[in-house]
């Protein structure tokens, strides 16, 4: 079938595949370096405990059959190795079926990780990576021009990501409709970046322009993805620029970068398939691609129904393989930033005015004189969950007690997730407490006078002084 392939998008596919491999690499690195404290056998939310209560059919994962920290580490580092191979173009050295199988490997590896990741992996960009990664399996390699139907499904996914995010804003917080959300968002977002304070202090009329431009990009421009070239290229480029603006203004893991990756295959780079590539794709390949496309179109019903519903929900998977999902972010925007500050003391009897020392996290605000850092596309999972904990203690109920216990034990894996611990692993604190503070960016004058990036005010106690009990405490004595 001559219509089946699009030789003009040869370069588009190549750029997309290499960029997607880079995102996979970041995702697997994060899993390999953070899992022990979060999901390990002695982690805050251990995988074995999860697989014991959740059946395989609800969360398909290799870890239902076997789990050990060593096995998980090998699994995650295997994902790193495959990602590097794909980034280097190993799929183009294989026959068509071999290249497809190679792209299937990181999808299967990450599916197993995400499906046991629990709240640490309950982010929209996790499902987005799996959905994009599944489509990539069927894009082919150097033996065939990219199939039109898969290029269309990538545009359809980008449309749903942007349009769904636009709808959730318009249906959610009134500040999006009033164009005032960015008066607060840069300060209250989950993890500010080094330029977030600068963005926060931009003139309010410019904030109105930012919000209005966001609405145009998410609610109108997505329809142009299906227009003829060069209109589709211009629409994709505008989306990419908008995402880069978000990259500069905060840390959103790989969400923005993966959205940019999705825009890449829309762009017509002007290249064509090499002359030695067959003009027709193998029949078996056409059958497989069309069958998968039909499956994905059928699975799109529930996400589309959700997207068009007045009760639209964000970031929901409708199947355990995360093949077609719904997305969205910041349907509501916080007006005030709260932070949970964790402190420890070596005092035998904790006193309010005792020697309390603060734990420092890598990404989330703590020390008011420390400038926010850039970590995205790397995902600091504990830091993100600490932001949710500050919104409501209910978000932290499953894991916060285990975090405090690990700090009291001086657990080395947990301490590696932090920027700085005031206590060495072999001399942990006797008591740990948590307090809730209100944070706000300092004004230009305050920054000049004090050198601080933040100003914080004590709000209330989050967790009273706590110490180990039972055999662990006896061992400490």
Protein backbone atom coordinates (compact mmCIF):
# COMPACT_ATOMS: atom_id res chain seq x y z
CA UNK A 1 0.00 0.00 0.00
CA UNK A 2 1.65 3.20 -1.19
CA UNK A 3 -0.21 5.37 1.31
CA UNK A 4 1.08 3.33 4.26
CA UNK A 5 4.47 5.04 4.62
CA UNK A 6 5.62 8.67 4.67
CA UNK A 7 9.19 8.86 3.29
CA UNK A 8 9.30 12.65 3.85
CA UNK A 9 9.23 12.06 7.63
CA UNK A 10 12.34 9.89 7.70
CA UNK A 11 14.37 12.53 9.55
CA UNK A 12 11.41 13.35 11.80
CA UNK A 13 11.31 9.76 13.01
CA UNK A 14 15.06 9.63 13.54
CA UNK A 15 15.10 12.79 15.68
CA UNK A 16 12.07 11.60 17.66
CA UNK A 17 13.54 8.17 18.39
CA UNK A 18 16.86 9.48 19.64
CA UNK A 19 15.16 12.10 21.83
CA UNK A 20 12.80 9.48 23.29
CA UNK A 21 15.77 7.24 24.08
CA UNK A 22 17.28 10.13 26.07
CA UNK A 23 14.09 10.48 28.13
CA UNK A 24 14.06 6.74 28.76
CA UNK A 25 17.67 7.03 29.95
CA UNK A 26 16.77 9.72 32.51
CA UNK A 27 13.78 7.69 33.73
CA UNK A 28 15.78 4.50 34.26
CA UNK A 29 18.63 6.37 35.94
CA UNK A 30 16.16 7.79 38.44
CA UNK A 31 14.73 4.34 39.11
CA UNK A 32 18.16 2.79 39.58
CA UNK A 33 19.45 5.49 41.92
CA UNK A 34 16.38 6.04 44.12
CA UNK A 35 14.50 2.75 44.40
CA UNK A 36 16.12 1.23 47.52
CA UNK A 37 14.89 3.91 49.91
CA UNK A 38 11.52 4.28 48.21
CA UNK A 39 10.53 0.78 47.10
CA UNK A 40 13.22 -1.63 48.30
CA UNK A 41 12.85 -4.44 50.78
CA UNK A 42 13.43 -1.91 53.58
CA UNK A 43 11.99 1.00 51.64
CA UNK A 44 9.20 3.30 52.69
CA UNK A 45 6.71 1.47 50.43
CA UNK A 46 8.27 -1.95 49.82
CA UNK A 47 7.48 -3.70 46.55
CA UNK A 48 6.95 -7.13 48.20
CA UNK A 49 4.24 -5.68 50.42
CA UNK A 50 2.53 -4.16 47.39
CA UNK A 51 2.64 -7.31 45.24
CA UNK A 52 1.25 -9.34 48.15
CA UNK A 53 -2.00 -7.37 48.13
CA UNK A 54 -2.36 -6.24 44.48
CA UNK A 55 -2.88 -8.99 41.87
CA UNK A 56 -0.85 -9.21 38.68
CA UNK A 57 -3.84 -8.46 36.44
CA UNK A 58 -4.27 -5.04 38.06
CA UNK A 59 -0.59 -4.10 37.91
CA UNK A 60 1.35 -6.36 35.51
CA UNK A 61 4.99 -6.50 36.56
CA UNK A 62 7.83 -9.00 36.60
CA UNK A 63 8.19 -8.24 40.31
CA UNK A 64 5.04 -10.22 41.04
CA UNK A 65 7.07 -13.32 40.22
CA UNK A 66 10.31 -12.36 41.91
CA UNK A 67 11.65 -9.44 43.88
CA UNK A 68 14.94 -8.60 45.54
CA UNK A 69 16.79 -5.32 45.70
CA UNK A 70 19.56 -6.79 43.59
CA UNK A 71 17.08 -7.97 40.94
CA UNK A 72 15.39 -4.56 40.82
CA UNK A 73 18.76 -2.87 40.44
CA UNK A 74 19.71 -5.18 37.57
CA UNK A 75 16.31 -4.50 35.97
CA UNK A 76 16.72 -0.72 36.18
CA UNK A 77 20.34 -0.71 35.00
CA UNK A 78 19.31 -2.94 32.10
CA UNK A 79 16.90 -0.16 31.15
CA UNK A 80 19.78 2.31 31.27
CA UNK A 81 21.87 0.07 28.99
CA UNK A 82 19.08 -0.40 26.44
CA UNK A 83 18.35 3.34 26.45
CA UNK A 84 22.00 4.09 25.72
CA UNK A 85 21.96 1.54 22.88
CA UNK A 86 18.85 3.14 21.36
CA UNK A 87 20.33 6.61 21.79
CA UNK A 88 23.37 5.40 19.83
CA UNK A 89 21.13 4.03 17.06
CA UNK A 90 21.42 0.30 17.70
CA UNK A 91 17.89 -0.26 16.38
CA UNK A 92 19.01 0.85 12.90
CA UNK A 93 21.62 -1.94 12.82
CA UNK A 94 18.99 -4.65 13.22
CA UNK A 95 16.39 -6.06 10.84
CA UNK A 96 12.97 -4.45 11.08
CA UNK A 97 11.56 -7.03 13.50
CA UNK A 98 14.73 -6.82 15.63
CA UNK A 99 14.51 -3.04 15.86
CA UNK A 100 10.89 -3.30 16.96
CA UNK A 101 11.79 -5.83 19.64
CA UNK A 102 14.60 -3.60 20.88
CA UNK A 103 12.16 -0.69 21.30
CA UNK A 104 9.76 -3.04 23.09
CA UNK A 105 12.36 -3.86 25.75
CA UNK A 106 12.48 -0.46 27.56
CA UNK A 107 8.69 -0.28 27.43
CA UNK A 108 8.39 -3.65 29.16
CA UNK A 109 11.12 -2.79 31.65
CA UNK A 110 9.55 0.53 32.63
CA UNK A 111 6.03 -0.92 32.76
CA UNK A 112 7.21 -3.38 35.43
CA UNK A 113 8.79 -0.56 37.43
CA UNK A 114 5.87 1.84 37.20
CA UNK A 115 3.23 -0.72 38.05
CA UNK A 116 4.83 -1.39 41.44
CA UNK A 117 5.91 2.22 41.98
CA UNK A 118 2.78 3.15 43.95
CA UNK A 119 2.55 6.80 44.97
CA UNK A 120 6.19 7.45 44.00
CA UNK A 121 5.21 6.83 40.36
CA UNK A 122 1.69 8.32 40.41
CA UNK A 123 2.54 11.12 37.98
CA UNK A 124 1.09 11.76 34.55
CA UNK A 125 4.46 11.75 32.83
CA UNK A 126 5.02 8.13 33.85
CA UNK A 127 2.01 6.95 31.84
CA UNK A 128 2.91 9.39 29.08
CA UNK A 129 6.35 7.82 28.73
CA UNK A 130 4.78 4.38 28.43
CA UNK A 131 2.21 5.53 25.88
CA UNK A 132 4.83 7.27 23.76
CA UNK A 133 7.21 4.34 24.17
CA UNK A 134 4.59 1.87 22.96
CA UNK A 135 3.95 3.89 19.80
CA UNK A 136 7.70 4.04 19.17
CA UNK A 137 7.83 0.24 18.92
CA UNK A 138 5.86 0.35 15.66
CA UNK A 139 7.58 3.30 13.96
CA UNK A 140 10.09 1.01 12.26
CA UNK A 141 13.78 1.54 11.55
CA UNK A 142 16.06 2.13 8.56
CA UNK A 143 14.51 -0.74 6.63
CA UNK A 144 11.21 1.04 6.11
CA UNK A 145 9.85 4.57 5.91
CA UNK A 146 7.77 5.63 8.93
CA UNK A 147 4.13 4.48 8.79
CA UNK A 148 1.55 7.24 8.35
CA UNK A 149 -0.85 5.77 10.90
CA UNK A 150 1.76 5.83 13.69
CA UNK A 151 2.76 9.40 12.87
CA UNK A 152 -0.93 10.29 13.10
CA UNK A 153 -1.28 8.55 16.49
CA UNK A 154 1.70 10.51 17.81
CA UNK A 155 -0.04 13.74 16.79
CA UNK A 156 -3.24 12.46 18.35
CA UNK A 157 -1.38 11.86 21.60
CA UNK A 158 0.17 15.33 21.54
CA UNK A 159 -3.29 16.76 20.89
CA UNK A 160 -4.73 14.95 23.92
CA UNK A 161 -1.85 16.03 26.16
CA UNK A 162 -2.20 19.71 25.29
CA UNK A 163 -5.96 19.98 24.77
CA UNK A 164 -6.71 17.93 27.89
CA UNK A 165 -4.41 20.16 29.95
CA UNK A 166 -6.12 23.25 28.56
CA UNK A 167 -9.60 21.95 29.35
CA UNK A 168 -8.73 20.97 32.91
CA UNK A 169 -7.51 24.50 33.55
CA UNK A 170 -10.59 26.18 32.12
CA UNK A 171 -12.90 23.84 34.06
CA UNK A 172 -10.88 24.00 37.24
CA UNK A 173 -9.52 26.98 39.08
CA UNK A 174 -11.22 30.30 38.32
CA UNK A 175 -7.83 32.02 38.23
CA UNK A 176 -7.17 30.41 34.84
CA UNK A 177 -10.28 32.07 33.45
CA UNK A 178 -9.40 35.36 35.13
CA UNK A 179 -5.80 35.10 33.81
CA UNK A 180 -4.40 35.48 37.33
CA UNK A 181 -2.98 32.01 38.12
CA UNK A 182 0.61 33.00 37.40
CA UNK A 183 0.42 35.61 40.13
CA UNK A 184 0.91 32.59 42.41
CA UNK A 185 2.01 29.55 40.39
CA UNK A 186 5.72 30.29 39.99
CA UNK A 187 6.01 30.61 43.79
CA UNK A 188 3.75 27.72 44.80
CA UNK A 189 4.62 25.13 42.11
CA UNK A 190 5.95 21.77 43.38
CA UNK A 191 9.64 22.44 42.80
CA UNK A 192 10.78 25.94 41.77
CA UNK A 193 13.86 26.29 39.60
CA UNK A 194 16.67 28.85 39.58
CA UNK A 195 14.62 31.33 37.51
CA UNK A 196 11.27 30.80 39.23
CA UNK A 197 11.72 33.78 41.54
CA UNK A 198 12.48 35.98 38.53
CA UNK A 199 9.34 34.71 36.77
CA UNK A 200 7.28 35.32 39.92
CA UNK A 201 8.32 38.96 40.07
CA UNK A 202 7.49 39.70 36.43
CA UNK A 203 4.86 42.45 36.06
CA UNK A 204 1.32 41.21 36.53
CA UNK A 205 0.22 42.35 33.05
CA UNK A 206 2.89 40.04 31.63
CA UNK A 207 1.50 37.21 33.75
CA UNK A 208 -1.88 37.82 32.10
CA UNK A 209 -0.23 37.55 28.70
CA UNK A 210 1.47 34.30 29.74
CA UNK A 211 -1.82 32.72 30.79
CA UNK A 212 -3.64 33.90 27.68
CA UNK A 213 -0.86 32.54 25.47
CA UNK A 214 -1.03 29.23 27.32
CA UNK A 215 -4.77 28.99 26.63
CA UNK A 216 -4.22 29.64 22.93
CA UNK A 217 -1.42 27.05 22.75
CA UNK A 218 -3.40 24.37 24.56
CA UNK A 219 -6.95 24.99 23.32
CA UNK A 220 -6.58 26.27 19.75
CA UNK A 221 -3.15 25.34 18.39
CA UNK A 222 -3.55 21.55 18.89
CA UNK A 223 -6.14 21.42 16.10
CA UNK A 224 -3.50 22.74 13.70
CA UNK A 225 -1.43 19.60 14.23
CA UNK A 226 -3.69 17.93 11.67
CA UNK A 227 -3.41 20.75 9.13
CA UNK A 228 -1.20 20.48 6.00
CA UNK A 229 2.43 21.49 6.17
CA UNK A 230 3.93 23.92 7.00
CA UNK A 231 1.03 24.79 9.35
CA UNK A 232 1.46 21.58 11.37
CA UNK A 233 5.17 22.29 11.77
CA UNK A 234 4.44 25.81 12.99
CA UNK A 235 1.91 24.45 15.52
CA UNK A 236 4.41 21.90 16.83
CA UNK A 237 7.13 24.54 17.05
CA UNK A 238 4.86 26.86 19.04
CA UNK A 239 4.09 24.04 21.47
CA UNK A 240 7.79 23.29 21.85
CA UNK A 241 8.58 26.95 22.59
CA UNK A 242 5.83 27.02 25.22
CA UNK A 243 7.26 23.90 26.84
CA UNK A 244 10.74 25.43 26.88
CA UNK A 245 9.25 28.45 28.68
CA UNK A 246 7.95 26.03 31.32
CA UNK A 247 11.36 24.34 31.51
CA UNK A 248 12.90 27.71 32.37
CA UNK A 249 10.28 28.53 34.99
CA UNK A 250 10.31 25.34 37.07
CA UNK A 251 11.17 21.66 37.58
CA UNK A 252 8.55 19.28 36.16
CA UNK A 253 10.66 16.14 35.73
CA UNK A 254 10.53 15.07 32.08
CA UNK A 255 6.94 16.21 31.39
CA UNK A 256 7.96 19.26 29.36
CA UNK A 257 10.80 17.46 27.60
CA UNK A 258 8.62 14.51 26.64
CA UNK A 259 5.99 16.89 25.26
CA UNK A 260 8.70 18.48 23.14
CA UNK A 261 9.75 14.99 22.01
CA UNK A 262 6.15 14.39 20.91
CA UNK A 263 6.26 17.56 18.81
CA UNK A 264 9.40 16.47 16.94
CA UNK A 265 7.81 13.94 14.54
CA UNK A 266 5.25 16.55 13.48
CA UNK A 267 8.00 18.71 12.04
CA UNK A 268 8.78 18.35 8.35
CA UNK A 269 12.58 18.57 8.20
CA UNK A 270 12.62 18.30 4.43
CA UNK A 271 14.44 14.95 4.32
CA UNK A 272 13.40 11.81 2.45
CA UNK A 273 14.10 8.13 2.82
CA UNK A 274 17.38 6.87 1.30
CA UNK A 275 17.09 5.56 -2.25
CA UNK A 276 17.84 1.96 -1.19
CA UNK A 277 14.85 1.74 1.17
CA UNK A 278 11.98 -0.32 -0.31
CA UNK A 279 9.02 1.78 -1.40
CA UNK A 280 6.59 -0.77 0.09
CA UNK A 281 6.62 -2.03 3.67
CA UNK A 282 6.52 -5.80 4.35
CA UNK A 283 2.99 -7.16 4.52
CA UNK A 284 3.43 -8.55 8.04
CA UNK A 285 4.55 -5.11 9.23
CA UNK A 286 1.51 -3.42 7.68
CA UNK A 287 -0.82 -5.93 9.32
CA UNK A 288 0.80 -5.50 12.75
CA UNK A 289 0.79 -1.70 12.60
CA UNK A 290 -2.81 -1.47 11.43
CA UNK A 291 -3.97 -3.96 14.07
CA UNK A 292 -2.21 -2.03 16.84
CA UNK A 293 -3.60 1.24 15.52
CA UNK A 294 -7.14 -0.17 15.57
CA UNK A 295 -6.61 -1.33 19.17
CA UNK A 296 -5.37 2.08 20.28
CA UNK A 297 -8.21 3.92 18.55
CA UNK A 298 -10.68 1.66 20.33
CA UNK A 299 -8.98 2.25 23.69
CA UNK A 300 -9.17 6.01 23.09
CA UNK A 301 -12.92 6.02 23.80
CA UNK A 302 -12.69 6.34 27.59
CA UNK A 303 -9.90 8.97 27.62
CA UNK A 304 -11.80 11.05 25.07
CA UNK A 305 -15.04 10.70 27.01
CA UNK A 306 -13.21 11.86 30.13
CA UNK A 307 -11.59 14.76 28.28
CA UNK A 308 -14.97 16.00 27.05
CA UNK A 309 -16.72 15.46 30.38
CA UNK A 310 -17.51 18.31 32.75
CA UNK A 311 -16.14 16.05 35.49
CA UNK A 312 -12.82 15.61 33.72
CA UNK A 313 -10.09 14.03 35.84
CA UNK A 314 -6.35 14.44 35.34
CA UNK A 315 -3.68 11.83 34.77
CA UNK A 316 -5.76 8.66 34.72
CA UNK A 317 -4.88 5.31 33.16
CA UNK A 318 -7.77 3.23 31.88
CA UNK A 319 -5.87 -0.01 31.34
CA UNK A 320 -3.09 -1.71 33.34
CA UNK A 321 -0.68 -1.46 30.38
CA UNK A 322 -1.08 2.34 30.18
CA UNK A 323 -1.61 2.19 26.41
CA UNK A 324 -4.00 5.15 26.17
CA UNK A 325 -4.33 7.58 29.08
CA UNK A 326 -5.69 10.97 30.01
CA UNK A 327 -3.48 13.87 31.06
CA UNK A 328 -3.60 17.33 32.57
CA UNK A 329 -1.96 19.43 35.24
CA UNK A 330 -2.73 22.24 37.67
CA UNK A 331 -6.48 22.20 37.49
CA UNK A 332 -6.13 24.18 40.70
CA UNK A 333 -3.32 26.48 41.78
CA UNK A 334 -2.24 27.05 45.38
CA UNK A 335 -2.18 30.66 46.55
CA UNK A 336 0.14 29.99 49.50
CA UNK A 337 3.25 27.82 49.64
CA UNK A 338 3.69 25.54 52.62
CA UNK A 339 6.74 23.37 53.29
CA UNK A 340 7.28 20.54 55.74
CA UNK A 341 10.63 21.04 57.48
CA UNK A 342 12.09 17.95 59.17
CA UNK A 343 14.46 18.37 62.11
CA UNK A 344 16.35 16.03 64.42
CA UNK A 345 17.98 16.33 67.82
CA UNK A 346 20.44 14.21 69.77
CA UNK A 347 18.96 15.38 73.07
CA UNK A 348 17.69 12.59 75.31
CA UNK A 349 14.69 14.70 76.27
CA UNK A 350 13.38 16.87 73.41
CA UNK A 351 12.75 20.51 74.27
CA UNK A 352 11.22 23.24 72.16
CA UNK A 353 14.40 25.28 72.48
CA UNK A 354 16.71 22.27 72.20
CA UNK A 355 19.41 21.61 69.62
CA UNK A 356 17.18 20.89 66.61
CA UNK A 357 19.01 20.50 63.30
CA UNK A 358 17.32 20.68 59.92
CA UNK A 359 17.51 18.07 57.15
CA UNK A 360 18.12 19.59 53.71
CA UNK A 361 16.46 18.18 50.61
CA UNK A 362 17.98 18.41 47.14
CA UNK A 363 15.19 20.16 45.31
CA UNK A 364 12.44 21.33 47.61
CA UNK A 365 12.86 24.65 49.44
CA UNK A 366 14.46 24.48 52.87
CA UNK A 367 17.32 26.85 53.71
CA UNK A 368 15.95 30.29 52.86
CA UNK A 369 19.36 31.45 51.61
CA UNK A 370 19.74 28.60 49.16
CA UNK A 371 18.78 29.34 45.58
CA UNK A 372 16.47 26.75 43.95
CA UNK A 373 18.34 24.36 41.67
CA UNK A 374 17.57 22.92 38.25
CA UNK A 375 17.01 19.15 38.34
CA UNK A 376 14.51 18.44 35.57
CA UNK A 377 14.31 16.28 33.56
CA UNK A 378 15.62 14.19 36.48
CA UNK A 379 12.80 13.39 38.90
CA UNK A 380 13.39 13.85 42.63
CA UNK A 381 10.49 11.70 43.79
CA UNK A 382 10.76 12.24 47.55
CA UNK A 383 10.99 16.01 47.10
CA UNK A 384 7.83 16.01 44.99
CA UNK A 385 5.92 13.96 47.56
CA UNK A 386 7.05 16.32 50.30
CA UNK A 387 5.26 19.11 48.40
CA UNK A 388 2.07 17.04 48.41
CA UNK A 389 2.54 16.33 52.13
CA UNK A 390 2.57 20.07 52.79
CA UNK A 391 -0.75 20.41 50.94
CA UNK A 392 -2.36 17.81 53.20
CA UNK A 393 -1.04 15.23 55.69
CA UNK A 394 -3.30 12.69 53.98
CA UNK A 395 -0.94 12.60 50.99
CA UNK A 396 1.88 11.46 53.29
CA UNK A 397 0.01 8.91 55.38
CA UNK A 398 1.41 5.87 53.60
CA UNK A 399 5.10 6.75 53.73
CA UNK A 400 5.92 9.68 56.03
CA UNK A 401 6.12 7.57 59.17
CA UNK A 402 8.53 5.21 57.42
CA UNK A 403 10.66 8.18 56.33
CA UNK A 404 10.95 9.39 59.93
CA UNK A 405 11.82 5.90 61.08
CA UNK A 406 14.61 5.64 58.49
CA UNK A 407 16.02 8.98 59.61
CA UNK A 408 16.01 7.81 63.22
CA UNK A 409 17.87 4.68 62.12
CA UNK A 410 20.37 6.63 60.03
CA UNK A 411 19.46 4.56 56.96
CA UNK A 412 22.13 5.26 54.35
CA UNK A 413 19.86 4.70 51.33
CA UNK A 414 17.37 7.24 52.64
CA UNK A 415 20.07 9.77 53.48
CA UNK A 416 21.35 9.55 49.89
CA UNK A 417 18.04 11.04 48.75
CA UNK A 418 18.81 14.17 50.76
CA UNK A 419 21.17 17.01 50.03
CA UNK A 420 22.48 17.11 53.58
CA UNK A 421 21.84 15.29 56.84
CA UNK A 422 22.85 17.02 60.08
CA UNK A 423 23.59 13.60 61.57
CA UNK A 424 26.00 10.95 60.24
CA UNK A 425 24.57 7.46 59.60
CA UNK A 426 26.43 6.00 62.58
CA UNK A 427 25.11 8.67 64.98
CA UNK A 428 21.46 9.32 64.04
CA UNK A 429 19.21 11.63 66.04
CA UNK A 430 17.28 10.44 69.09
CA UNK A 431 14.19 12.39 68.10
CA UNK A 432 12.79 13.71 64.82
CA UNK A 433 10.02 16.23 64.39
CA UNK A 434 8.36 18.00 61.44
CA UNK A 435 7.03 21.53 61.30
CA UNK A 436 4.94 23.33 58.72
CA UNK A 437 6.13 26.70 57.44
CA UNK A 438 4.73 29.20 55.00
CA UNK A 439 7.29 30.15 52.33
CA UNK A 440 7.27 33.09 49.97
CA UNK A 441 9.83 34.52 47.60
CA UNK A 442 11.61 37.55 48.99
CA UNK A 443 11.15 40.88 47.29
CA UNK A 444 14.03 42.46 45.44
CA UNK A 445 14.76 44.70 48.43
CA UNK A 446 14.62 41.80 50.91
CA UNK A 447 16.93 39.78 48.70
CA UNK A 448 19.40 42.64 48.57
CA UNK A 449 19.26 43.29 52.32
CA UNK A 450 19.30 39.70 53.62
CA UNK A 451 20.72 37.57 50.82
CA UNK A 452 17.71 35.22 51.21
CA UNK A 453 15.64 33.84 48.35
CA UNK A 454 12.78 32.86 50.64
CA UNK A 455 11.05 34.23 53.70
CA UNK A 456 9.39 31.67 55.93
CA UNK A 457 6.93 31.83 58.81
CA UNK A 458 6.11 29.06 61.28
CA UNK A 459 2.53 27.80 60.88
CA UNK A 460 2.07 24.72 63.08
CA UNK A 461 3.45 21.40 64.16
CA UNK A 462 3.26 18.71 61.49
CA UNK A 463 4.69 15.81 63.52
CA UNK A 464 5.55 15.99 67.24
CA UNK A 465 8.98 14.84 68.42
CA UNK A 466 9.20 11.11 67.67
CA UNK A 467 11.71 8.46 68.61
CA UNK A 468 12.24 4.79 67.85
CA UNK A 469 10.36 2.30 69.98
CA UNK A 470 10.63 -1.44 70.56
CA UNK A 471 13.72 -3.52 69.64
CA UNK A 472 15.19 -0.77 67.46
CA UNK A 473 15.19 1.65 70.38
CA UNK A 474 16.64 -0.97 72.72
CA UNK A 475 19.45 -1.56 70.26
CA UNK A 476 20.18 2.17 70.15
CA UNK A 477 20.55 2.23 73.94
